[in-house]
Amino acid sequence: MSDQITDVATEEMPSDKVADLVEYIVCGLVQDEESVSLDVTDGTDGALIEVSCAADDAGRIIGRRGRTIKAIRTLARALGSRVGTAVEVEVLG
């Protein structure tokens, strides 16, 4: 019986795969990887991934005219649709 409870508790949500991708990309862009944290909120209509980072690194994640964050959102949505969930990515800086 305890094995069933453990299996349910360790079951990975589809949004976790997307969050892993976003974290991998963001950590490759920033100077201070230790300050990067992701907060994933799963809702009925999809998942919200909020990226927190050092203030100096927020500009690196957003990019010129928002091009970098737009590319990150495109990749996250593509993977999200593949695993069956809608995804939004926000940078909190």
N, C-alpha and C. Protein backbone atom coordinates (compact mmCIF):
# COMPACT_ATOMS: atom_id res chain seq x y z
N MET A 1 0.82 -1.19 0.00
CA MET A 1 0.00 0.00 0.00
C MET A 1 0.86 1.25 0.00
N SER A 2 1.95 1.25 0.78
CA SER A 2 2.80 2.43 0.83
C SER A 2 3.51 2.67 -0.51
N ASP A 3 3.73 1.62 -1.30
CA ASP A 3 4.34 1.78 -2.61
C ASP A 3 3.44 2.61 -3.54
N GLN A 4 2.13 2.42 -3.44
CA GLN A 4 1.20 3.18 -4.28
C GLN A 4 1.23 4.65 -3.91
N ILE A 5 1.31 4.94 -2.65
CA ILE A 5 1.36 6.34 -2.21
C ILE A 5 2.64 6.99 -2.69
N THR A 6 3.75 6.29 -2.61
CA THR A 6 5.03 6.83 -3.07
C THR A 6 4.99 7.09 -4.57
N ASP A 7 4.40 6.17 -5.34
CA ASP A 7 4.34 6.34 -6.78
C ASP A 7 3.52 7.57 -7.16
N VAL A 8 2.43 7.81 -6.45
CA VAL A 8 1.59 8.96 -6.74
C VAL A 8 2.32 10.25 -6.37
N ALA A 9 3.03 10.25 -5.26
CA ALA A 9 3.73 11.45 -4.79
C ALA A 9 4.89 11.82 -5.71
N THR A 10 5.53 10.84 -6.34
CA THR A 10 6.68 11.13 -7.19
C THR A 10 6.30 11.25 -8.67
N GLU A 11 5.01 11.15 -8.95
CA GLU A 11 4.56 11.26 -10.34
C GLU A 11 4.85 12.67 -10.86
N GLU A 12 5.43 12.74 -12.04
CA GLU A 12 5.82 14.03 -12.61
C GLU A 12 4.67 14.63 -13.40
N MET A 13 4.40 15.88 -13.15
CA MET A 13 3.37 16.60 -13.90
C MET A 13 3.93 16.98 -15.27
N PRO A 14 3.08 17.13 -16.28
CA PRO A 14 3.57 17.55 -17.60
C PRO A 14 4.29 18.90 -17.55
N SER A 15 3.82 19.78 -16.67
CA SER A 15 4.45 21.11 -16.57
C SER A 15 5.87 21.02 -16.01
N ASP A 16 6.21 19.94 -15.30
CA ASP A 16 7.56 19.79 -14.77
C ASP A 16 8.59 19.65 -15.89
N LYS A 17 8.22 18.97 -16.96
CA LYS A 17 9.13 18.84 -18.10
C LYS A 17 9.38 20.19 -18.75
N VAL A 18 8.32 20.99 -18.87
CA VAL A 18 8.46 22.33 -19.45
C VAL A 18 9.31 23.21 -18.54
N ALA A 19 9.08 23.12 -17.23
CA ALA A 19 9.85 23.91 -16.27
C ALA A 19 11.33 23.53 -16.34
N ASP A 20 11.63 22.25 -16.52
CA ASP A 20 13.02 21.82 -16.64
C ASP A 20 13.67 22.46 -17.87
N LEU A 21 12.95 22.51 -18.97
CA LEU A 21 13.47 23.14 -20.19
C LEU A 21 13.72 24.63 -19.97
N VAL A 22 12.76 25.32 -19.39
CA VAL A 22 12.89 26.76 -19.13
C VAL A 22 14.07 27.02 -18.20
N GLU A 23 14.21 26.22 -17.16
CA GLU A 23 15.32 26.39 -16.22
C GLU A 23 16.67 26.19 -16.92
N TYR A 24 16.75 25.18 -17.77
CA TYR A 24 17.99 24.90 -18.50
C TYR A 24 18.38 26.09 -19.39
N ILE A 25 17.42 26.63 -20.11
CA ILE A 25 17.69 27.76 -21.00
C ILE A 25 18.08 29.00 -20.20
N VAL A 26 17.31 29.30 -19.16
CA VAL A 26 17.56 30.51 -18.36
C VAL A 26 18.92 30.44 -17.68
N CYS A 27 19.27 29.29 -17.13
CA CYS A 27 20.57 29.16 -16.45
C CYS A 27 21.72 29.33 -17.43
N GLY A 28 21.52 29.03 -18.68
CA GLY A 28 22.54 29.24 -19.69
C GLY A 28 22.71 30.70 -20.06
N LEU A 29 21.72 31.52 -19.76
CA LEU A 29 21.76 32.94 -20.14
C LEU A 29 22.29 33.86 -19.05
N VAL A 30 22.07 33.50 -17.80
CA VAL A 30 22.36 34.42 -16.69
C VAL A 30 23.79 34.30 -16.17
N GLN A 31 24.22 35.32 -15.45
CA GLN A 31 25.53 35.32 -14.80
C GLN A 31 25.46 34.61 -13.44
N ASP A 32 24.37 34.85 -12.71
CA ASP A 32 24.22 34.31 -11.35
C ASP A 32 23.17 33.20 -11.35
N GLU A 33 23.61 31.97 -11.62
CA GLU A 33 22.70 30.83 -11.70
C GLU A 33 22.06 30.52 -10.35
N GLU A 34 22.74 30.83 -9.27
CA GLU A 34 22.23 30.51 -7.94
C GLU A 34 20.97 31.31 -7.60
N SER A 35 20.81 32.47 -8.21
CA SER A 35 19.65 33.31 -7.90
C SER A 35 18.42 32.93 -8.73
N VAL A 36 18.56 32.02 -9.67
CA VAL A 36 17.43 31.62 -10.53
C VAL A 36 16.55 30.63 -9.77
N SER A 37 15.25 30.93 -9.75
CA SER A 37 14.29 29.99 -9.19
C SER A 37 13.01 30.05 -10.02
N LEU A 38 12.36 28.91 -10.12
CA LEU A 38 11.12 28.82 -10.87
C LEU A 38 9.99 28.45 -9.94
N ASP A 39 8.86 29.10 -10.11
CA ASP A 39 7.66 28.79 -9.36
C ASP A 39 6.61 28.33 -10.37
N VAL A 40 6.23 27.06 -10.30
CA VAL A 40 5.27 26.48 -11.25
C VAL A 40 3.92 26.36 -10.57
N THR A 41 2.91 26.98 -11.18
CA THR A 41 1.55 26.91 -10.67
C THR A 41 0.69 26.21 -11.71
N ASP A 42 0.18 25.04 -11.36
CA ASP A 42 -0.70 24.29 -12.26
C ASP A 42 -2.14 24.67 -11.98
N GLY A 43 -2.86 25.01 -13.05
CA GLY A 43 -4.27 25.34 -12.94
C GLY A 43 -5.09 24.46 -13.86
N THR A 44 -6.38 24.71 -13.90
CA THR A 44 -7.24 23.90 -14.76
C THR A 44 -7.04 24.22 -16.24
N ASP A 45 -6.63 25.44 -16.53
CA ASP A 45 -6.45 25.84 -17.92
C ASP A 45 -5.00 25.80 -18.38
N GLY A 46 -4.09 25.36 -17.53
CA GLY A 46 -2.68 25.26 -17.91
C GLY A 46 -1.76 25.56 -16.75
N ALA A 47 -0.51 25.83 -17.08
CA ALA A 47 0.50 26.07 -16.05
C ALA A 47 1.12 27.45 -16.23
N LEU A 48 1.48 28.06 -15.13
CA LEU A 48 2.19 29.33 -15.13
C LEU A 48 3.56 29.09 -14.52
N ILE A 49 4.60 29.45 -15.27
CA ILE A 49 5.96 29.32 -14.79
C ILE A 49 6.51 30.73 -14.57
N GLU A 50 6.81 31.06 -13.32
CA GLU A 50 7.36 32.37 -12.98
C GLU A 50 8.84 32.21 -12.70
N VAL A 51 9.66 32.94 -13.44
CA VAL A 51 11.10 32.87 -13.32
C VAL A 51 11.57 34.05 -12.48
N SER A 52 12.22 33.77 -11.36
CA SER A 52 12.82 34.81 -10.52
C SER A 52 14.33 34.75 -10.71
N CYS A 53 14.95 35.92 -10.79
CA CYS A 53 16.40 35.97 -10.98
C CYS A 53 16.94 37.27 -10.40
N ALA A 54 18.26 37.42 -10.46
CA ALA A 54 18.88 38.67 -10.03
C ALA A 54 18.44 39.79 -10.96
N ALA A 55 18.35 40.99 -10.42
CA ALA A 55 17.88 42.14 -11.22
C ALA A 55 18.75 42.37 -12.45
N ASP A 56 20.06 42.16 -12.32
CA ASP A 56 20.97 42.36 -13.45
C ASP A 56 20.74 41.35 -14.56
N ASP A 57 20.24 40.16 -14.21
CA ASP A 57 20.05 39.10 -15.20
C ASP A 57 18.69 39.15 -15.89
N ALA A 58 17.76 39.90 -15.37
CA ALA A 58 16.42 39.97 -15.98
C ALA A 58 16.51 40.46 -17.42
N GLY A 59 17.37 41.42 -17.67
CA GLY A 59 17.54 41.94 -19.03
C GLY A 59 18.09 40.89 -19.99
N ARG A 60 18.94 40.02 -19.49
CA ARG A 60 19.48 38.95 -20.33
C ARG A 60 18.39 37.96 -20.72
N ILE A 61 17.48 37.69 -19.80
CA ILE A 61 16.40 36.75 -20.07
C ILE A 61 15.38 37.37 -21.02
N ILE A 62 15.08 38.63 -20.83
CA ILE A 62 14.10 39.30 -21.68
C ILE A 62 14.67 39.58 -23.07
N GLY A 63 15.91 40.05 -23.13
CA GLY A 63 16.55 40.32 -24.41
C GLY A 63 16.10 41.63 -25.02
N ARG A 64 16.75 41.99 -26.11
CA ARG A 64 16.38 43.23 -26.80
C ARG A 64 15.00 43.11 -27.40
N ARG A 65 14.18 44.10 -27.07
CA ARG A 65 12.79 44.15 -27.53
C ARG A 65 12.01 42.88 -27.20
N GLY A 66 12.45 42.15 -26.17
CA GLY A 66 11.73 40.97 -25.71
C GLY A 66 11.91 39.74 -26.58
N ARG A 67 12.91 39.75 -27.43
CA ARG A 67 13.09 38.63 -28.35
C ARG A 67 13.46 37.33 -27.66
N THR A 68 14.31 37.41 -26.64
CA THR A 68 14.76 36.20 -25.95
C THR A 68 13.61 35.55 -25.19
N ILE A 69 12.85 36.33 -24.42
CA ILE A 69 11.74 35.75 -23.67
C ILE A 69 10.67 35.24 -24.62
N LYS A 70 10.50 35.89 -25.75
CA LYS A 70 9.53 35.42 -26.74
C LYS A 70 9.95 34.04 -27.27
N ALA A 71 11.23 33.86 -27.52
CA ALA A 71 11.73 32.56 -27.99
C ALA A 71 11.58 31.49 -26.90
N ILE A 72 11.85 31.86 -25.65
CA ILE A 72 11.68 30.92 -24.54
C ILE A 72 10.21 30.51 -24.43
N ARG A 73 9.31 31.49 -24.54
CA ARG A 73 7.87 31.18 -24.47
C ARG A 73 7.43 30.27 -25.62
N THR A 74 7.97 30.51 -26.81
CA THR A 74 7.63 29.68 -27.96
C THR A 74 8.06 28.24 -27.73
N LEU A 75 9.28 28.04 -27.24
CA LEU A 75 9.76 26.69 -26.95
C LEU A 75 8.95 26.03 -25.84
N ALA A 76 8.62 26.79 -24.80
CA ALA A 76 7.85 26.25 -23.68
C ALA A 76 6.45 25.85 -24.14
N ARG A 77 5.82 26.67 -24.96
CA ARG A 77 4.48 26.33 -25.46
C ARG A 77 4.51 25.13 -26.37
N ALA A 78 5.56 25.02 -27.19
CA ALA A 78 5.68 23.88 -28.09
C ALA A 78 5.81 22.58 -27.29
N LEU A 79 6.67 22.57 -26.28
CA LEU A 79 6.81 21.39 -25.45
C LEU A 79 5.54 21.14 -24.64
N GLY A 80 4.93 22.21 -24.17
CA GLY A 80 3.68 22.07 -23.41
C GLY A 80 2.59 21.42 -24.23
N SER A 81 2.45 21.81 -25.48
CA SER A 81 1.43 21.20 -26.33
C SER A 81 1.77 19.74 -26.61
N ARG A 82 3.04 19.44 -26.66
CA ARG A 82 3.46 18.05 -26.90
C ARG A 82 3.15 17.14 -25.70
N VAL A 83 3.28 17.68 -24.49
CA VAL A 83 2.99 16.89 -23.29
C VAL A 83 1.56 17.08 -22.79
N GLY A 84 0.81 17.95 -23.45
CA GLY A 84 -0.61 18.08 -23.14
C GLY A 84 -1.00 19.13 -22.13
N THR A 85 -0.28 20.24 -22.08
CA THR A 85 -0.66 21.31 -21.16
C THR A 85 -0.34 22.66 -21.78
N ALA A 86 -1.15 23.65 -21.48
CA ALA A 86 -0.88 25.02 -21.91
C ALA A 86 0.08 25.65 -20.92
N VAL A 87 0.99 26.49 -21.41
CA VAL A 87 2.04 27.05 -20.55
C VAL A 87 2.20 28.53 -20.81
N GLU A 88 2.39 29.29 -19.73
CA GLU A 88 2.76 30.70 -19.80
C GLU A 88 4.03 30.88 -18.99
N VAL A 89 4.94 31.71 -19.49
CA VAL A 89 6.20 31.98 -18.80
C VAL A 89 6.29 33.48 -18.52
N GLU A 90 6.57 33.83 -17.27
CA GLU A 90 6.72 35.22 -16.85
C GLU A 90 8.06 35.39 -16.13
N VAL A 91 8.69 36.55 -16.34
CA VAL A 91 9.94 36.87 -15.67
C VAL A 91 9.65 37.89 -14.58
N LEU A 92 10.04 37.59 -13.35
CA LEU A 92 9.78 38.48 -12.23
C LEU A 92 10.99 39.36 -11.90
N GLY A 93 12.17 38.97 -12.37
CA GLY A 93 13.36 39.79 -12.14
C GLY A 93 13.66 39.94 -10.74
